[in-house]
Amino acid sequence: MAEGRLIVAPLDDHLYSATAWVADVQRKMRAIVPDHGNHHGFQNRGTADFRVALTVYGKDSSSYYLKLFPEWENIQIDSQYGTFSSTDVRRRYFQRILEIADTILSLGVADFLRSFVMSEICRSLLEEAEYLDVYPKQWGVGPLTTADALVVQSGHILLVERGQAPGKGLLALPGGFVNPAERIRDAAFGNCARKPQSATAYAHRGSREASGRCRSPDIGRSNCALR
């Protein structure tokens, strides 16, 4: 690619494990750099025979992962459009009077955003964006403590369908916030008993959803178990 100057290699995403992701990146680099850096010739010391550097734009705290490779040089570069990034594109797009940044987006992306705004998915994302914008002002920045309950009955797990943002329409474990001076265990049991009264409940076993669903199921105190 680009007359042999650019090599693109896939990377797996390791959720909740930065260590596994870093190891994967290092493993790919150890395989690619010595091979292509010397035109597929013999290398005695692997990547140590080459100058390896990250050319990066450290925007903010979300760029922390760029510091996870101390063995490589870190070359900071300016953003192509100053401080304008995908975050700014989303912020301008997900509002009641939307704005599409045509001047910095490709024609295909801009056309997609214009058509996507009419979809139900976009309306759902807008609702969630508005909720997340108001949330810190209403409840504070946090961190806030929550408690979920894993209800197991005859091999089935109780899930509820969320009725509001965030995650409206998605399945979740019954749960909620822990009130001041409330024990986490008490909050989990309390949310377990209250949530199904106002949400559609589903029974799952393994990876297959049970054929029936019920509203306000009688889960009983004895069936509410923390795992």
Protein backbone atom coordinates (compact mmCIF):
# COMPACT_ATOMS: atom_id res chain seq x y z
CA MET A 1 0.00 0.00 0.00
CA ALA A 2 1.27 3.51 -0.85
CA GLU A 3 4.19 2.03 -2.81
CA GLY A 4 5.11 -0.27 0.05
CA ARG A 5 5.40 2.54 2.61
CA LEU A 6 2.21 1.81 4.54
CA ILE A 7 1.26 -1.53 6.07
CA VAL A 8 -2.21 -2.04 7.57
CA ALA A 9 -2.74 -4.90 10.02
CA PRO A 10 -5.91 -5.80 11.98
CA LEU A 11 -6.01 -5.66 15.78
CA ASP A 12 -8.43 -7.45 18.06
CA ASP A 13 -10.21 -5.39 20.71
CA HIS A 14 -9.80 -6.81 24.22
CA LEU A 15 -12.63 -5.47 26.36
CA TYR A 16 -11.62 -4.62 29.93
CA SER A 17 -8.02 -5.77 29.40
CA ALA A 18 -5.54 -3.12 28.34
CA THR A 19 -2.73 -5.58 29.08
CA ALA A 20 -4.01 -8.09 26.51
CA TRP A 21 -4.48 -5.34 23.92
CA VAL A 22 -0.96 -3.95 24.46
CA ALA A 23 0.51 -7.44 24.16
CA ASP A 24 -1.36 -7.95 20.89
CA VAL A 25 -0.03 -4.67 19.47
CA GLN A 26 3.53 -5.54 20.51
CA ARG A 27 3.22 -9.02 19.03
CA LYS A 28 2.03 -7.62 15.69
CA MET A 29 4.86 -5.07 15.64
CA ARG A 30 7.49 -7.73 16.38
CA ALA A 31 6.19 -9.73 13.43
CA ILE A 32 5.82 -6.88 10.93
CA VAL A 33 8.72 -4.49 11.55
CA PRO A 34 11.70 -6.89 11.18
CA ASP A 35 10.17 -8.60 8.18
CA HIS A 36 9.24 -5.56 6.10
CA GLY A 37 11.86 -3.20 7.50
CA ASN A 38 14.69 -5.19 5.94
CA HIS A 39 12.83 -6.30 2.83
CA HIS A 40 12.11 -9.73 4.31
CA GLY A 41 15.78 -10.32 5.13
CA PHE A 42 17.42 -11.80 8.23
CA GLN A 43 17.20 -9.85 11.49
CA ASN A 44 19.39 -10.58 14.47
CA ARG A 45 17.76 -8.44 17.17
CA GLY A 46 14.18 -8.10 15.99
CA THR A 47 12.64 -4.64 16.44
CA ALA A 48 15.79 -3.46 18.27
CA ASP A 49 17.45 -3.10 14.86
CA PHE A 50 14.95 -0.41 13.92
CA ARG A 51 13.70 2.94 15.15
CA VAL A 52 10.07 2.42 16.15
CA ALA A 53 7.94 5.44 17.02
CA LEU A 54 4.29 6.25 17.56
CA THR A 55 3.08 9.31 15.69
CA VAL A 56 0.07 10.31 17.69
CA TYR A 57 -2.30 13.11 18.58
CA GLY A 58 -2.82 13.09 22.35
CA LYS A 59 -6.16 14.83 22.50
CA ASP A 60 -7.08 14.41 26.17
CA SER A 61 -7.30 11.82 28.94
CA SER A 62 -9.01 9.42 26.53
CA SER A 63 -5.65 9.10 24.74
CA TYR A 64 -4.06 7.41 27.77
CA TYR A 65 -3.46 4.20 25.81
CA LEU A 66 -0.80 5.96 23.74
CA LYS A 67 1.42 5.99 26.83
CA LEU A 68 1.27 2.21 27.26
CA PHE A 69 4.27 1.65 24.98
CA PRO A 70 7.27 3.23 26.76
CA GLU A 71 9.68 1.16 24.68
CA TRP A 72 8.77 3.15 21.56
CA GLU A 73 9.40 6.79 20.82
CA ASN A 74 6.34 9.02 21.05
CA ILE A 75 6.07 11.74 18.42
CA GLN A 76 3.20 14.12 19.15
CA ILE A 77 1.51 15.72 16.14
CA ASP A 78 -1.14 18.39 15.88
CA SER A 79 -4.66 17.51 14.87
CA GLN A 80 -5.28 18.11 11.19
CA TYR A 81 -8.05 20.54 12.03
CA GLY A 82 -6.69 22.02 15.24
CA THR A 83 -8.78 20.66 18.09
CA PHE A 84 -11.69 19.55 15.88
CA SER A 85 -12.30 15.81 16.22
CA SER A 86 -14.98 13.13 15.91
CA THR A 87 -16.24 14.20 19.34
CA ASP A 88 -17.05 17.62 17.90
CA VAL A 89 -18.79 15.99 14.92
CA ARG A 90 -21.00 13.93 17.26
CA ARG A 91 -21.74 16.90 19.51
CA ARG A 92 -22.92 19.01 16.58
CA TYR A 93 -24.86 16.14 15.04
CA PHE A 94 -26.76 14.84 18.06
CA GLN A 95 -28.81 17.93 18.89
CA ARG A 96 -32.32 19.05 18.04
CA ILE A 97 -31.09 21.44 15.35
CA LEU A 98 -28.31 19.33 13.95
CA GLU A 99 -25.24 20.52 12.11
CA ILE A 100 -23.28 18.40 9.67
CA ALA A 101 -19.64 19.46 9.40
CA ASP A 102 -19.43 19.31 5.58
CA THR A 103 -16.13 21.17 5.44
CA ILE A 104 -14.17 18.44 7.23
CA LEU A 105 -16.15 15.33 6.29
CA SER A 106 -15.95 13.38 3.08
CA LEU A 107 -18.93 13.62 0.73
CA GLY A 108 -19.97 10.02 1.41
CA VAL A 109 -19.93 10.46 5.20
CA ALA A 110 -21.86 13.73 5.02
CA ASP A 111 -24.53 12.15 2.76
CA PHE A 112 -24.83 9.17 5.11
CA LEU A 113 -25.38 11.46 8.13
CA ARG A 114 -28.14 13.32 6.28
CA SER A 115 -30.00 10.09 5.54
CA PHE A 116 -29.28 8.51 8.93
CA VAL A 117 -30.96 11.37 10.78
CA MET A 118 -34.36 10.11 9.57
CA SER A 119 -33.92 6.66 11.10
CA GLU A 120 -35.36 5.33 14.34
CA ILE A 121 -31.86 4.43 15.51
CA CYS A 122 -30.75 8.04 15.18
CA ARG A 123 -33.75 9.27 17.19
CA SER A 124 -32.87 6.78 19.89
CA LEU A 125 -29.24 7.93 19.94
CA LEU A 126 -30.34 11.57 20.14
CA GLU A 127 -32.54 10.79 23.12
CA GLU A 128 -29.65 9.06 24.84
CA ALA A 129 -27.24 11.91 24.05
CA GLU A 130 -29.63 14.42 25.59
CA TYR A 131 -30.04 12.22 28.65
CA LEU A 132 -26.27 11.89 29.15
CA ASP A 133 -25.85 15.64 28.74
CA VAL A 134 -28.38 16.44 31.48
CA TYR A 135 -27.44 13.58 33.79
CA PRO A 136 -24.33 15.09 35.47
CA LYS A 137 -26.18 18.35 36.08
CA GLN A 138 -29.03 16.50 37.76
CA TRP A 139 -27.17 13.84 39.76
CA GLY A 140 -23.57 15.02 39.88
CA VAL A 141 -20.44 13.76 38.20
CA GLY A 142 -20.01 10.78 40.50
CA PRO A 143 -18.76 8.14 40.80
CA LEU A 144 -22.19 6.80 41.78
CA THR A 145 -22.71 3.32 43.21
CA THR A 146 -25.20 0.91 41.66
CA ALA A 147 -26.30 -2.61 42.55
CA ASP A 148 -27.71 -5.30 40.24
CA ALA A 149 -29.30 -8.59 41.20
CA LEU A 150 -28.84 -11.90 39.42
CA VAL A 151 -32.11 -13.75 39.88
CA VAL A 152 -31.88 -17.49 39.17
CA GLN A 153 -34.97 -19.71 39.21
CA SER A 154 -35.00 -23.28 37.84
CA GLY A 155 -32.04 -22.53 35.61
CA HIS A 156 -33.57 -19.29 34.27
CA ILE A 157 -32.17 -15.78 34.69
CA LEU A 158 -34.47 -12.78 35.12
CA LEU A 159 -33.86 -9.86 32.76
CA VAL A 160 -35.86 -6.66 32.38
CA GLU A 161 -36.39 -4.49 29.33
CA ARG A 162 -35.25 -0.96 30.09
CA GLY A 163 -38.06 1.54 29.70
CA GLN A 164 -35.96 4.68 29.54
CA ALA A 165 -32.52 5.99 28.61
CA PRO A 166 -29.80 5.00 28.76
CA GLY A 167 -30.23 1.69 26.97
CA LYS A 168 -33.97 2.09 26.38
CA GLY A 169 -35.39 -1.12 24.93
CA LEU A 170 -32.33 -3.20 25.82
CA LEU A 171 -32.29 -6.13 28.23
CA ALA A 172 -30.58 -5.72 31.59
CA LEU A 173 -30.35 -7.22 35.05
CA PRO A 174 -32.76 -5.62 37.55
CA GLY A 175 -30.83 -2.99 39.46
CA GLY A 176 -30.43 0.64 40.35
CA PHE A 177 -28.61 3.17 42.47
CA VAL A 178 -27.54 2.65 46.04
CA ASN A 179 -29.05 5.35 48.27
CA PRO A 180 -26.96 7.12 50.93
CA ALA A 181 -26.55 5.00 54.08
CA GLU A 182 -27.96 1.96 52.22
CA ARG A 183 -26.05 -1.29 52.06
CA ILE A 184 -25.24 -2.58 48.58
CA ARG A 185 -26.86 -5.94 49.37
CA ASP A 186 -30.07 -4.26 50.55
CA ALA A 187 -30.16 -2.08 47.43
CA ALA A 188 -29.75 -5.12 45.18
CA PHE A 189 -32.63 -6.95 46.87
CA GLY A 190 -34.82 -3.85 46.84
CA ASN A 191 -34.24 -3.18 43.15
CA CYS A 192 -34.82 -6.85 42.43
CA ALA A 193 -38.28 -6.65 43.98
CA ARG A 194 -39.26 -3.28 42.51
CA LYS A 195 -37.98 -3.29 38.95
CA PRO A 196 -40.14 -6.05 37.42
CA GLN A 197 -43.28 -4.23 38.56
CA SER A 198 -42.65 -1.48 35.99
CA ALA A 199 -40.85 -3.34 33.21
CA THR A 200 -41.32 -6.28 30.90
CA ALA A 201 -39.46 -9.28 32.30
CA TYR A 202 -37.82 -12.02 30.25
CA ALA A 203 -36.63 -15.43 31.36
CA HIS A 204 -33.39 -16.59 29.73
CA ARG A 205 -31.83 -20.00 29.92
CA GLY A 206 -28.41 -20.42 28.39
CA SER A 207 -28.32 -18.46 25.14
CA ARG A 208 -31.97 -19.08 24.22
CA GLU A 209 -34.79 -16.83 25.29
CA ALA A 210 -37.78 -18.54 26.82
CA SER A 211 -40.82 -18.47 24.57
CA GLY A 212 -43.05 -16.73 27.07
CA ARG A 213 -42.72 -13.39 28.78
CA CYS A 214 -44.68 -11.92 31.62
CA ARG A 215 -45.42 -8.56 33.15
CA SER A 216 -44.92 -8.00 36.87
CA PRO A 217 -43.81 -11.57 37.53
CA ASP A 218 -44.06 -12.95 41.00
CA ILE A 219 -40.37 -13.49 41.61
CA GLY A 220 -40.70 -14.02 45.36
CA ARG A 221 -38.14 -13.09 47.98
CA SER A 222 -36.67 -16.57 48.15
CA ASN A 223 -35.82 -16.51 44.44
CA CYS A 224 -33.85 -13.26 44.63
CA ALA A 225 -30.26 -14.43 44.86
CA LEU A 226 -26.99 -12.54 44.64
CA ARG A 227 -24.17 -14.26 42.83
